[in-house]
PDB file of N, CA and C in Angstrom:
ATOM      1  N   UNK A   1       9.606   6.965  15.775  1.00  0.00           N
ATOM      2  CA  UNK A   1      10.541   6.068  15.120  1.00  0.00           C
ATOM      3  C   UNK A   1      10.282   6.096  13.618  1.00  0.00           C
ATOM      4  N   UNK A   2      11.298   6.326  12.861  1.00  0.00           N
ATOM      5  CA  UNK A   2      11.144   6.263  11.411  1.00  0.00           C
ATOM      6  C   UNK A   2      11.844   5.008  10.896  1.00  0.00           C
ATOM      7  N   UNK A   3      11.459   4.606   9.720  1.00  0.00           N
ATOM      8  CA  UNK A   3      11.995   3.395   9.094  1.00  0.00           C
ATOM      9  C   UNK A   3      12.785   3.838   7.876  1.00  0.00           C
ATOM     10  N   UNK A   4      13.954   3.236   7.642  1.00  0.00           N
ATOM     11  CA  UNK A   4      14.806   3.736   6.568  1.00  0.00           C
ATOM     12  C   UNK A   4      14.344   3.469   5.144  1.00  0.00           C
ATOM     13  N   UNK A   5      13.516   2.483   4.909  1.00  0.00           N
ATOM     14  CA  UNK A   5      13.163   2.215   3.523  1.00  0.00           C
ATOM     15  C   UNK A   5      11.907   1.389   3.383  1.00  0.00           C
ATOM     16  N   UNK A   6      11.598   1.084   2.143  1.00  0.00           N
ATOM     17  CA  UNK A   6      10.409   0.291   1.862  1.00  0.00           C
ATOM     18  C   UNK A   6      10.647  -0.580   0.640  1.00  0.00           C
ATOM     19  N   UNK A   7       9.787  -1.568   0.519  1.00  0.00           N
ATOM     20  CA  UNK A   7       9.858  -2.484  -0.610  1.00  0.00           C
ATOM     21  C   UNK A   7       8.434  -2.850  -1.016  1.00  0.00           C
ATOM     22  N   UNK A   8       8.166  -2.869  -2.313  1.00  0.00           N
ATOM     23  CA  UNK A   8       6.864  -3.262  -2.846  1.00  0.00           C
ATOM     24  C   UNK A   8       6.863  -4.753  -3.160  1.00  0.00           C
ATOM     25  N   UNK A   9       5.811  -5.423  -2.769  1.00  0.00           N
ATOM     26  CA  UNK A   9       5.563  -6.782  -3.276  1.00  0.00           C
ATOM     27  C   UNK A   9       5.308  -6.608  -4.776  1.00  0.00           C
ATOM     28  N   UNK A  10       5.803  -7.494  -5.626  1.00  0.00           N
ATOM     29  CA  UNK A  10       5.575  -7.327  -7.071  1.00  0.00           C
ATOM     30  C   UNK A  10       4.096  -7.156  -7.437  1.00  0.00           C
ATOM     31  N   UNK A  11       3.224  -7.852  -6.745  1.00  0.00           N
ATOM     32  CA  UNK A  11       1.794  -7.721  -7.042  1.00  0.00           C
ATOM     33  C   UNK A  11       1.253  -6.365  -6.606  1.00  0.00           C
ATOM     34  N   UNK A  12       1.862  -5.750  -5.595  1.00  0.00           N
ATOM     35  CA  UNK A  12       1.445  -4.396  -5.186  1.00  0.00           C
ATOM     36  C   UNK A  12       1.805  -3.389  -6.276  1.00  0.00           C
ATOM     37  N   UNK A  13       2.939  -3.614  -6.906  1.00  0.00           N
ATOM     38  CA  UNK A  13       3.326  -2.768  -8.037  1.00  0.00           C
ATOM     39  C   UNK A  13       2.300  -2.915  -9.159  1.00  0.00           C
ATOM     40  N   UNK A  14       1.861  -4.141  -9.401  1.00  0.00           N
ATOM     41  CA  UNK A  14       0.831  -4.379 -10.421  1.00  0.00           C
ATOM     42  C   UNK A  14      -0.484  -3.697 -10.039  1.00  0.00           C
ATOM     43  N   UNK A  15      -0.831  -3.736  -8.741  1.00  0.00           N
ATOM     44  CA  UNK A  15      -2.039  -3.030  -8.271  1.00  0.00           C
ATOM     45  C   UNK A  15      -1.976  -1.557  -8.650  1.00  0.00           C
ATOM     46  N   UNK A  16      -0.843  -0.942  -8.327  1.00  0.00           N
ATOM     47  CA  UNK A  16      -0.692   0.494  -8.564  1.00  0.00           C
ATOM     48  C   UNK A  16      -0.677   0.806 -10.061  1.00  0.00           C
ATOM     49  N   UNK A  17       0.031   0.010 -10.825  1.00  0.00           N
ATOM     50  CA  UNK A  17       0.084   0.230 -12.280  1.00  0.00           C
ATOM     51  C   UNK A  17      -1.309   0.134 -12.904  1.00  0.00           C
ATOM     52  N   UNK A  18      -2.064  -0.894 -12.525  1.00  0.00           N
ATOM     53  CA  UNK A  18      -3.409  -1.082 -13.085  1.00  0.00           C
ATOM     54  C   UNK A  18      -4.327   0.069 -12.692  1.00  0.00           C
ATOM     55  N   UNK A  19      -4.272   0.499 -11.443  1.00  0.00           N
ATOM     56  CA  UNK A  19      -5.118   1.609 -10.994  1.00  0.00           C
ATOM     57  C   UNK A  19      -4.727   2.895 -11.708  1.00  0.00           C
ATOM     58  N   UNK A  20      -3.423   3.122 -11.844  1.00  0.00           N
ATOM     59  CA  UNK A  20      -2.960   4.322 -12.538  1.00  0.00           C
ATOM     60  C   UNK A  20      -3.410   4.356 -13.989  1.00  0.00           C
ATOM     61  N   UNK A  21      -3.335   3.218 -14.660  1.00  0.00           N
ATOM     62  CA  UNK A  21      -3.784   3.143 -16.057  1.00  0.00           C
ATOM     63  C   UNK A  21      -5.285   3.391 -16.154  1.00  0.00           C
ATOM     64  N   UNK A  22      -6.050   2.832 -15.218  1.00  0.00           N
ATOM     65  CA  UNK A  22      -7.499   3.011 -15.242  1.00  0.00           C
ATOM     66  C   UNK A  22      -7.840   4.489 -15.050  1.00  0.00           C
ATOM     67  N   UNK A  23      -7.224   5.136 -14.073  1.00  0.00           N
ATOM     68  CA  UNK A  23      -7.503   6.552 -13.837  1.00  0.00           C
ATOM     69  C   UNK A  23      -7.068   7.417 -15.014  1.00  0.00           C
ATOM     70  N   UNK A  24      -5.943   7.074 -15.622  1.00  0.00           N
ATOM     71  CA  UNK A  24      -5.486   7.833 -16.792  1.00  0.00           C
ATOM     72  C   UNK A  24      -6.461   7.702 -17.955  1.00  0.00           C
ATOM     73  N   UNK A  25      -7.080   6.530 -18.094  1.00  0.00           N
ATOM     74  CA  UNK A  25      -8.065   6.342 -19.156  1.00  0.00           C
ATOM     75  C   UNK A  25      -9.315   7.191 -18.898  1.00  0.00           C
ATOM     76  N   UNK A  26      -9.610   7.450 -17.627  1.00  0.00           N
ATOM     77  CA  UNK A  26     -10.768   8.273 -17.281  1.00  0.00           C
ATOM     78  C   UNK A  26     -10.484   9.758 -17.529  1.00  0.00           C
ATOM     79  N   UNK A  27      -9.272  10.161 -17.159  1.00  0.00           N
ATOM     80  CA  UNK A  27      -8.861  11.557 -17.300  1.00  0.00           C
ATOM     81  C   UNK A  27      -7.334  11.589 -17.364  1.00  0.00           C
ATOM     82  N   UNK A  28      -6.776  11.957 -18.517  1.00  0.00           N
ATOM     83  CA  UNK A  28      -5.317  11.983 -18.633  1.00  0.00           C
ATOM     84  C   UNK A  28      -4.681  12.797 -17.503  1.00  0.00           C
ATOM     85  N   UNK A  29      -3.665  12.206 -16.893  1.00  0.00           N
ATOM     86  CA  UNK A  29      -2.968  12.855 -15.783  1.00  0.00           C
ATOM     87  C   UNK A  29      -3.444  12.398 -14.412  1.00  0.00           C
ATOM     88  N   UNK A  30      -4.643  11.841 -14.341  1.00  0.00           N
ATOM     89  CA  UNK A  30      -5.180  11.419 -13.052  1.00  0.00           C
ATOM     90  C   UNK A  30      -4.416  10.216 -12.494  1.00  0.00           C
ATOM     91  N   UNK A  31      -3.911   9.370 -13.371  1.00  0.00           N
ATOM     92  CA  UNK A  31      -3.092   8.240 -12.929  1.00  0.00           C
ATOM     93  C   UNK A  31      -1.828   8.715 -12.235  1.00  0.00           C
ATOM     94  N   UNK A  32      -1.212   9.770 -12.772  1.00  0.00           N
ATOM     95  CA  UNK A  32      -0.026  10.335 -12.124  1.00  0.00           C
ATOM     96  C   UNK A  32      -0.381  10.955 -10.772  1.00  0.00           C
ATOM     97  N   UNK A  33      -1.566  11.537 -10.672  1.00  0.00           N
ATOM     98  CA  UNK A  33      -2.015  12.067  -9.381  1.00  0.00           C
ATOM     99  C   UNK A  33      -2.125  10.948  -8.351  1.00  0.00           C
ATOM    100  N   UNK A  34      -2.641   9.798  -8.771  1.00  0.00           N
ATOM    101  CA  UNK A  34      -2.724   8.654  -7.869  1.00  0.00           C
ATOM    102  C   UNK A  34      -1.332   8.242  -7.410  1.00  0.00           C
ATOM    103  N   UNK A  35      -0.409   8.113  -8.339  1.00  0.00           N
ATOM    104  CA  UNK A  35       0.955   7.700  -7.999  1.00  0.00           C
ATOM    105  C   UNK A  35       1.600   8.712  -7.051  1.00  0.00           C
ATOM    106  N   UNK A  36       1.405  10.003  -7.308  1.00  0.00           N
ATOM    107  CA  UNK A  36       1.926  11.038  -6.406  1.00  0.00           C
ATOM    108  C   UNK A  36       1.325  10.901  -5.015  1.00  0.00           C
ATOM    109  N   UNK A  37       0.035  10.610  -4.940  1.00  0.00           N
ATOM    110  CA  UNK A  37      -0.635  10.440  -3.649  1.00  0.00           C
ATOM    111  C   UNK A  37      -0.071   9.240  -2.897  1.00  0.00           C
ATOM    112  N   UNK A  38       0.188   8.168  -3.616  1.00  0.00           N
ATOM    113  CA  UNK A  38       0.772   6.978  -2.990  1.00  0.00           C
ATOM    114  C   UNK A  38       2.176   7.294  -2.477  1.00  0.00           C
ATOM    115  N   UNK A  39       2.966   8.001  -3.271  1.00  0.00           N
ATOM    116  CA  UNK A  39       4.322   8.357  -2.844  1.00  0.00           C
ATOM    117  C   UNK A  39       4.301   9.225  -1.582  1.00  0.00           C
ATOM    118  N   UNK A  40       3.388  10.189  -1.516  1.00  0.00           N
ATOM    119  CA  UNK A  40       3.277  11.033  -0.315  1.00  0.00           C
ATOM    120  C   UNK A  40       2.844  10.199   0.883  1.00  0.00           C
ATOM    121  N   UNK A  41       1.927   9.275   0.663  1.00  0.00           N
ATOM    122  CA  UNK A  41       1.470   8.404   1.751  1.00  0.00           C
ATOM    123  C   UNK A  41       2.626   7.542   2.265  1.00  0.00           C
ATOM    124  N   UNK A  42       3.434   7.022   1.369  1.00  0.00           N
ATOM    125  CA  UNK A  42       4.577   6.204   1.785  1.00  0.00           C
ATOM    126  C   UNK A  42       5.545   7.029   2.623  1.00  0.00           C
ATOM    127  N   UNK A  43       5.760   8.278   2.260  1.00  0.00           N
ATOM    128  CA  UNK A  43       6.622   9.147   3.062  1.00  0.00           C
ATOM    129  C   UNK A  43       6.086   9.274   4.487  1.00  0.00           C
ATOM    130  N   UNK A  44       4.773   9.425   4.630  1.00  0.00           N
ATOM    131  CA  UNK A  44       4.166   9.506   5.958  1.00  0.00           C
ATOM    132  C   UNK A  44       4.307   8.188   6.713  1.00  0.00           C
ATOM    133  N   UNK A  45       4.089   7.091   6.022  1.00  0.00           N
ATOM    134  CA  UNK A  45       4.241   5.771   6.647  1.00  0.00           C
ATOM    135  C   UNK A  45       5.669   5.589   7.155  1.00  0.00           C
ATOM    136  N   UNK A  46       6.647   5.969   6.347  1.00  0.00           N
ATOM    137  CA  UNK A  46       8.044   5.803   6.739  1.00  0.00           C
ATOM    138  C   UNK A  46       8.385   6.619   7.980  1.00  0.00           C
ATOM    139  N   UNK A  47       7.746   7.776   8.144  1.00  0.00           N
ATOM    140  CA  UNK A  47       8.006   8.616   9.310  1.00  0.00           C
ATOM    141  C   UNK A  47       7.482   7.984  10.595  1.00  0.00           C
ATOM    142  N   UNK A  48       6.305   7.354  10.522  1.00  0.00           N
ATOM    143  CA  UNK A  48       5.689   6.754  11.703  1.00  0.00           C
ATOM    144  C   UNK A  48       4.909   5.500  11.305  1.00  0.00           C
ATOM    145  N   UNK A  49       5.598   4.408  11.064  1.00  0.00           N
ATOM    146  CA  UNK A  49       4.918   3.218  10.558  1.00  0.00           C
ATOM    147  C   UNK A  49       3.859   2.646  11.507  1.00  0.00           C
ATOM    148  N   UNK A  50       4.002   2.852  12.798  1.00  0.00           N
ATOM    149  CA  UNK A  50       3.033   2.299  13.756  1.00  0.00           C
ATOM    150  C   UNK A  50       1.830   3.209  13.974  1.00  0.00           C
ATOM    151  N   UNK A  51       1.815   4.363  13.339  1.00  0.00           N
ATOM    152  CA  UNK A  51       0.746   5.337  13.572  1.00  0.00           C
ATOM    153  C   UNK A  51      -0.535   5.012  12.825  1.00  0.00           C
ATOM    154  N   UNK A  52      -0.469   4.153  11.839  1.00  0.00           N
ATOM    155  CA  UNK A  52      -1.626   3.921  10.980  1.00  0.00           C
ATOM    156  C   UNK A  52      -2.414   2.710  11.450  1.00  0.00           C
ATOM    157  N   UNK A  53      -3.639   2.653  11.033  1.00  0.00           N
ATOM    158  CA  UNK A  53      -4.624   1.670  11.476  1.00  0.00           C
ATOM    159  C   UNK A  53      -4.101   0.234  11.400  1.00  0.00           C
ATOM    160  N   UNK A  54      -4.212  -0.456  12.512  1.00  0.00           N
ATOM    161  CA  UNK A  54      -3.854  -1.879  12.522  1.00  0.00           C
ATOM    162  C   UNK A  54      -5.001  -2.650  11.887  1.00  0.00           C
ATOM    163  N   UNK A  55      -4.679  -3.451  10.903  1.00  0.00           N
ATOM    164  CA  UNK A  55      -5.690  -4.196  10.158  1.00  0.00           C
ATOM    165  C   UNK A  55      -5.893  -5.581  10.748  1.00  0.00           C
ATOM    166  N   UNK A  56      -4.810  -6.322  10.886  1.00  0.00           N
ATOM    167  CA  UNK A  56      -4.912  -7.705  11.334  1.00  0.00           C
ATOM    168  C   UNK A  56      -3.519  -8.247  11.604  1.00  0.00           C
ATOM    169  N   UNK A  57      -3.473  -9.500  12.002  1.00  0.00           N
ATOM    170  CA  UNK A  57      -2.214 -10.229  12.096  1.00  0.00           C
ATOM    171  C   UNK A  57      -2.347 -11.423  11.164  1.00  0.00           C
ATOM    172  N   UNK A  58      -1.421 -11.507  10.211  1.00  0.00           N
ATOM    173  CA  UNK A  58      -1.417 -12.600   9.240  1.00  0.00           C
ATOM    174  C   UNK A  58      -0.013 -13.187   9.237  1.00  0.00           C
ATOM    175  N   UNK A  59       0.073 -14.484   9.417  1.00  0.00           N
ATOM    176  CA  UNK A  59       1.380 -15.159   9.432  1.00  0.00           C
ATOM    177  C   UNK A  59       2.349 -14.466  10.389  1.00  0.00           C
ATOM    178  N   UNK A  60       1.862 -14.123  11.555  1.00  0.00           N
ATOM    179  CA  UNK A  60       2.613 -13.449  12.629  1.00  0.00           C
ATOM    180  C   UNK A  60       3.086 -12.041  12.260  1.00  0.00           C
ATOM    181  N   UNK A  61       2.588 -11.490  11.185  1.00  0.00           N
ATOM    182  CA  UNK A  61       2.921 -10.115  10.795  1.00  0.00           C
ATOM    183  C   UNK A  61       1.800  -9.183  11.213  1.00  0.00           C
ATOM    184  N   UNK A  62       2.153  -8.070  11.820  1.00  0.00           N
ATOM    185  CA  UNK A  62       1.154  -7.065  12.171  1.00  0.00           C
ATOM    186  C   UNK A  62       0.907  -6.208  10.932  1.00  0.00           C
ATOM    187  N   UNK A  63      -0.241  -6.378  10.352  1.00  0.00           N
ATOM    188  CA  UNK A  63      -0.593  -5.696   9.105  1.00  0.00           C
ATOM    189  C   UNK A  63      -1.248  -4.359   9.443  1.00  0.00           C
ATOM    190  N   UNK A  64      -0.805  -3.333   8.755  1.00  0.00           N
ATOM    191  CA  UNK A  64      -1.378  -2.000   8.932  1.00  0.00           C
ATOM    192  C   UNK A  64      -1.909  -1.494   7.597  1.00  0.00           C
ATOM    193  N   UNK A  65      -2.758  -0.483   7.702  1.00  0.00           N
ATOM    194  CA  UNK A  65      -3.445   0.036   6.524  1.00  0.00           C
ATOM    195  C   UNK A  65      -3.454   1.566   6.595  1.00  0.00           C
ATOM    196  N   UNK A  66      -2.909   2.178   5.550  1.00  0.00           N
ATOM    197  CA  UNK A  66      -2.983   3.630   5.398  1.00  0.00           C
ATOM    198  C   UNK A  66      -4.123   3.898   4.422  1.00  0.00           C
ATOM    199  N   UNK A  67      -5.182   4.535   4.904  1.00  0.00           N
ATOM    200  CA  UNK A  67      -6.341   4.819   4.060  1.00  0.00           C
ATOM    201  C   UNK A  67      -6.119   6.164   3.377  1.00  0.00           C
ATOM    202  N   UNK A  68      -6.154   6.133   2.061  1.00  0.00           N
ATOM    203  CA  UNK A  68      -5.942   7.363   1.291  1.00  0.00           C
ATOM    204  C   UNK A  68      -7.208   8.201   1.289  1.00  0.00           C
ATOM    205  N   UNK A  69      -7.053   9.490   1.135  1.00  0.00           N
ATOM    206  CA  UNK A  69      -8.209  10.391   1.170  1.00  0.00           C
ATOM    207  C   UNK A  69      -8.801  10.662  -0.207  1.00  0.00           C
ATOM    208  N   UNK A  70      -7.976  11.017  -1.143  1.00  0.00           N
ATOM    209  CA  UNK A  70      -8.498  11.418  -2.450  1.00  0.00           C
ATOM    210  C   UNK A  70      -8.969  10.237  -3.295  1.00  0.00           C
ATOM    211  N   UNK A  71      -8.286   9.137  -3.182  1.00  0.00           N
ATOM    212  CA  UNK A  71      -8.592   7.955  -3.985  1.00  0.00           C
ATOM    213  C   UNK A  71      -9.082   6.839  -3.063  1.00  0.00           C
ATOM    214  N   UNK A  72      -9.955   5.963  -3.571  1.00  0.00           N
ATOM    215  CA  UNK A  72     -10.533   4.912  -2.720  1.00  0.00           C
ATOM    216  C   UNK A  72      -9.606   3.697  -2.564  1.00  0.00           C
ATOM    217  N   UNK A  73      -8.417   3.940  -2.086  1.00  0.00           N
ATOM    218  CA  UNK A  73      -7.417   2.895  -1.925  1.00  0.00           C
ATOM    219  C   UNK A  73      -6.785   2.971  -0.548  1.00  0.00           C
ATOM    220  N   UNK A  74      -6.250   1.833  -0.132  1.00  0.00           N
ATOM    221  CA  UNK A  74      -5.445   1.754   1.081  1.00  0.00           C
ATOM    222  C   UNK A  74      -4.095   1.164   0.710  1.00  0.00           C
ATOM    223  N   UNK A  75      -3.086   1.590   1.440  1.00  0.00           N
ATOM    224  CA  UNK A  75      -1.774   0.981   1.313  1.00  0.00           C
ATOM    225  C   UNK A  75      -1.669  -0.016   2.468  1.00  0.00           C
ATOM    226  N   UNK A  76      -1.564  -1.282   2.123  1.00  0.00           N
ATOM    227  CA  UNK A  76      -1.502  -2.357   3.109  1.00  0.00           C
ATOM    228  C   UNK A  76      -0.031  -2.737   3.265  1.00  0.00           C
ATOM    229  N   UNK A  77       0.453  -2.735   4.515  1.00  0.00           N
ATOM    230  CA  UNK A  77       1.879  -2.964   4.739  1.00  0.00           C
ATOM    231  C   UNK A  77       2.147  -3.594   6.103  1.00  0.00           C
ATOM    232  N   UNK A  78       3.363  -4.062   6.256  1.00  0.00           N
ATOM    233  CA  UNK A  78       3.882  -4.480   7.552  1.00  0.00           C
ATOM    234  C   UNK A  78       5.353  -4.097   7.588  1.00  0.00           C
ATOM    235  N   UNK A  79       5.946  -4.125   8.765  1.00  0.00           N
ATOM    236  CA  UNK A  79       7.352  -3.756   8.927  1.00  0.00           C
ATOM    237  C   UNK A  79       8.116  -4.974   9.424  1.00  0.00           C
ATOM    238  N   UNK A  80       9.233  -5.255   8.774  1.00  0.00           N
ATOM    239  CA  UNK A  80      10.131  -6.314   9.225  1.00  0.00           C
ATOM    240  C   UNK A  80      11.555  -5.898   8.862  1.00  0.00           C
ATOM    241  N   UNK A  81      12.468  -6.150   9.786  1.00  0.00           N
ATOM    242  CA  UNK A  81      13.875  -5.785   9.581  1.00  0.00           C
ATOM    243  C   UNK A  81      14.014  -4.310   9.201  1.00  0.00           C
ATOM    244  N   UNK A  82      13.224  -3.451   9.851  1.00  0.00           N
ATOM    245  CA  UNK A  82      13.254  -2.007   9.617  1.00  0.00           C
ATOM    246  C   UNK A  82      12.932  -1.603   8.179  1.00  0.00           C
ATOM    247  N   UNK A  83      12.204  -2.434   7.485  1.00  0.00           N
ATOM    248  CA  UNK A  83      11.768  -2.124   6.124  1.00  0.00           C
ATOM    249  C   UNK A  83      10.246  -2.214   6.082  1.00  0.00           C
ATOM    250  N   UNK A  84       9.604  -1.192   5.527  1.00  0.00           N
ATOM    251  CA  UNK A  84       8.157  -1.237   5.307  1.00  0.00           C
ATOM    252  C   UNK A  84       7.934  -2.105   4.070  1.00  0.00           C
ATOM    253  N   UNK A  85       7.187  -3.179   4.255  1.00  0.00           N
ATOM    254  CA  UNK A  85       6.892  -4.110   3.168  1.00  0.00           C
ATOM    255  C   UNK A  85       5.464  -3.823   2.693  1.00  0.00           C
ATOM    256  N   UNK A  86       5.334  -3.239   1.516  1.00  0.00           N
ATOM    257  CA  UNK A  86       4.024  -2.887   0.976  1.00  0.00           C
ATOM    258  C   UNK A  86       3.470  -4.101   0.233  1.00  0.00           C
ATOM    259  N   UNK A  87       2.338  -4.593   0.747  1.00  0.00           N
ATOM    260  CA  UNK A  87       1.739  -5.817   0.255  1.00  0.00           C
ATOM    261  C   UNK A  87       0.720  -5.543  -0.842  1.00  0.00           C
ATOM    262  N   UNK A  88       0.003  -4.418  -0.725  1.00  0.00           N
ATOM    263  CA  UNK A  88      -1.055  -4.136  -1.700  1.00  0.00           C
ATOM    264  C   UNK A  88      -1.375  -2.653  -1.722  1.00  0.00           C
ATOM    265  N   UNK A  89      -1.820  -2.213  -2.879  1.00  0.00           N
ATOM    266  CA  UNK A  89      -2.512  -0.942  -3.042  1.00  0.00           C
ATOM    267  C   UNK A  89      -3.946  -1.391  -3.313  1.00  0.00           C
ATOM    268  N   UNK A  90      -4.712  -1.492  -2.236  1.00  0.00           N
ATOM    269  CA  UNK A  90      -5.998  -2.184  -2.265  1.00  0.00           C
ATOM    270  C   UNK A  90      -7.163  -1.217  -2.423  1.00  0.00           C
ATOM    271  N   UNK A  91      -8.025  -1.495  -3.381  1.00  0.00           N
ATOM    272  CA  UNK A  91      -9.244  -0.711  -3.576  1.00  0.00           C
ATOM    273  C   UNK A  91     -10.175  -0.946  -2.391  1.00  0.00           C
ATOM    274  N   UNK A  92     -10.815   0.106  -1.935  1.00  0.00           N
ATOM    275  CA  UNK A  92     -11.654   0.036  -0.732  1.00  0.00           C
ATOM    276  C   UNK A  92     -12.884  -0.842  -0.897  1.00  0.00           C
ATOM    277  N   UNK A  93     -13.368  -1.007  -2.112  1.00  0.00           N
ATOM    278  CA  UNK A  93     -14.637  -1.711  -2.325  1.00  0.00           C
ATOM    279  C   UNK A  93     -14.506  -3.028  -3.086  1.00  0.00           C
ATOM    280  N   UNK A  94     -13.305  -3.410  -3.468  1.00  0.00           N
ATOM    281  CA  UNK A  94     -13.149  -4.604  -4.295  1.00  0.00           C
ATOM    282  C   UNK A  94     -12.350  -5.678  -3.587  1.00  0.00           C
ATOM    283  N   UNK A  95     -12.832  -6.880  -3.637  1.00  0.00           N
ATOM    284  CA  UNK A  95     -12.116  -8.069  -3.169  1.00  0.00           C
ATOM    285  C   UNK A  95     -11.425  -7.864  -1.819  1.00  0.00           C
ATOM    286  N   UNK A  96     -12.167  -7.656  -0.754  1.00  0.00           N
ATOM    287  CA  UNK A  96     -11.516  -7.458   0.541  1.00  0.00           C
ATOM    288  C   UNK A  96     -10.612  -8.644   0.897  1.00  0.00           C
ATOM    289  N   UNK A  97      -9.420  -8.332   1.354  1.00  0.00           N
ATOM    290  CA  UNK A  97      -8.506  -9.366   1.816  1.00  0.00           C
ATOM    291  C   UNK A  97      -7.817 -10.188   0.742  1.00  0.00           C
ATOM    292  N   UNK A  98      -7.986  -9.815  -0.527  1.00  0.00           N
ATOM    293  CA  UNK A  98      -7.372 -10.592  -1.613  1.00  0.00           C
ATOM    294  C   UNK A  98      -5.852 -10.674  -1.466  1.00  0.00           C
ATOM    295  N   UNK A  99      -5.272  -9.733  -0.789  1.00  0.00           N
ATOM    296  CA  UNK A  99      -3.821  -9.608  -0.660  1.00  0.00           C
ATOM    297  C   UNK A  99      -3.241 -10.512   0.430  1.00  0.00           C
ATOM    298  N   UNK A 100      -4.071 -11.132   1.245  1.00  0.00           N
ATOM    299  CA  UNK A 100      -3.563 -11.901   2.401  1.00  0.00           C
ATOM    300  C   UNK A 100      -2.578 -12.997   2.012  1.00  0.00           C
ATOM    301  N   UNK A 101      -2.758 -13.613   0.875  1.00  0.00           N
ATOM    302  CA  UNK A 101      -1.831 -14.665   0.453  1.00  0.00           C
ATOM    303  C   UNK A 101      -0.440 -14.091   0.164  1.00  0.00           C
ATOM    304  N   UNK A 102      -0.353 -12.818  -0.107  1.00  0.00           N
ATOM    305  CA  UNK A 102       0.942 -12.196  -0.402  1.00  0.00           C
ATOM    306  C   UNK A 102       1.842 -12.096   0.827  1.00  0.00           C
ATOM    307  N   UNK A 103       1.261 -12.146   2.007  1.00  0.00           N
ATOM    308  CA  UNK A 103       2.045 -12.003   3.235  1.00  0.00           C
ATOM    309  C   UNK A 103       3.059 -13.132   3.340  1.00  0.00           C
ATOM    310  N   UNK A 104       2.712 -14.281   2.870  1.00  0.00           N
ATOM    311  CA  UNK A 104       3.613 -15.436   2.960  1.00  0.00           C
ATOM    312  C   UNK A 104       4.778 -15.327   1.994  1.00  0.00           C
ATOM    313  N   UNK A 105       4.636 -14.511   0.963  1.00  0.00           N
ATOM    314  CA  UNK A 105       5.721 -14.322  -0.010  1.00  0.00           C
ATOM    315  C   UNK A 105       6.790 -13.418   0.588  1.00  0.00           C
ATOM    316  N   UNK A 106       8.009 -13.758   0.392  1.00  0.00           N
ATOM    317  CA  UNK A 106       9.113 -12.905   0.863  1.00  0.00           C
ATOM    318  C   UNK A 106       9.233 -11.698  -0.056  1.00  0.00           C
ATOM    319  N   UNK A 107       9.236 -10.518   0.544  1.00  0.00           N
ATOM    320  CA  UNK A 107       9.484  -9.300  -0.243  1.00  0.00           C
ATOM    321  C   UNK A 107      10.554  -8.472   0.412  1.00  0.00           C
TER     322      UNK A 107
END
């Protein structure tokens, strides 16, 4: 089953922007590599949203996590109304679960 589209929580966009800027400051162009990796991961998620690791249930939403390989980030998402709702681009080692409050926000 594939899903027709996706939507970013505004704070997830901020997560990605901040990470991209940080990587670009380390090595010019690396931030774009991160963004490209996230875009490819989203394409995979859209093809099979239920295939990725189930993280938890928050506010009756089944939260899933796509763990990226090259970068230490996960894409945290859930599906509702046939739309993948991306809640966070979460760093693997920082502030576990900080994104949980975002589930209650409509995206």
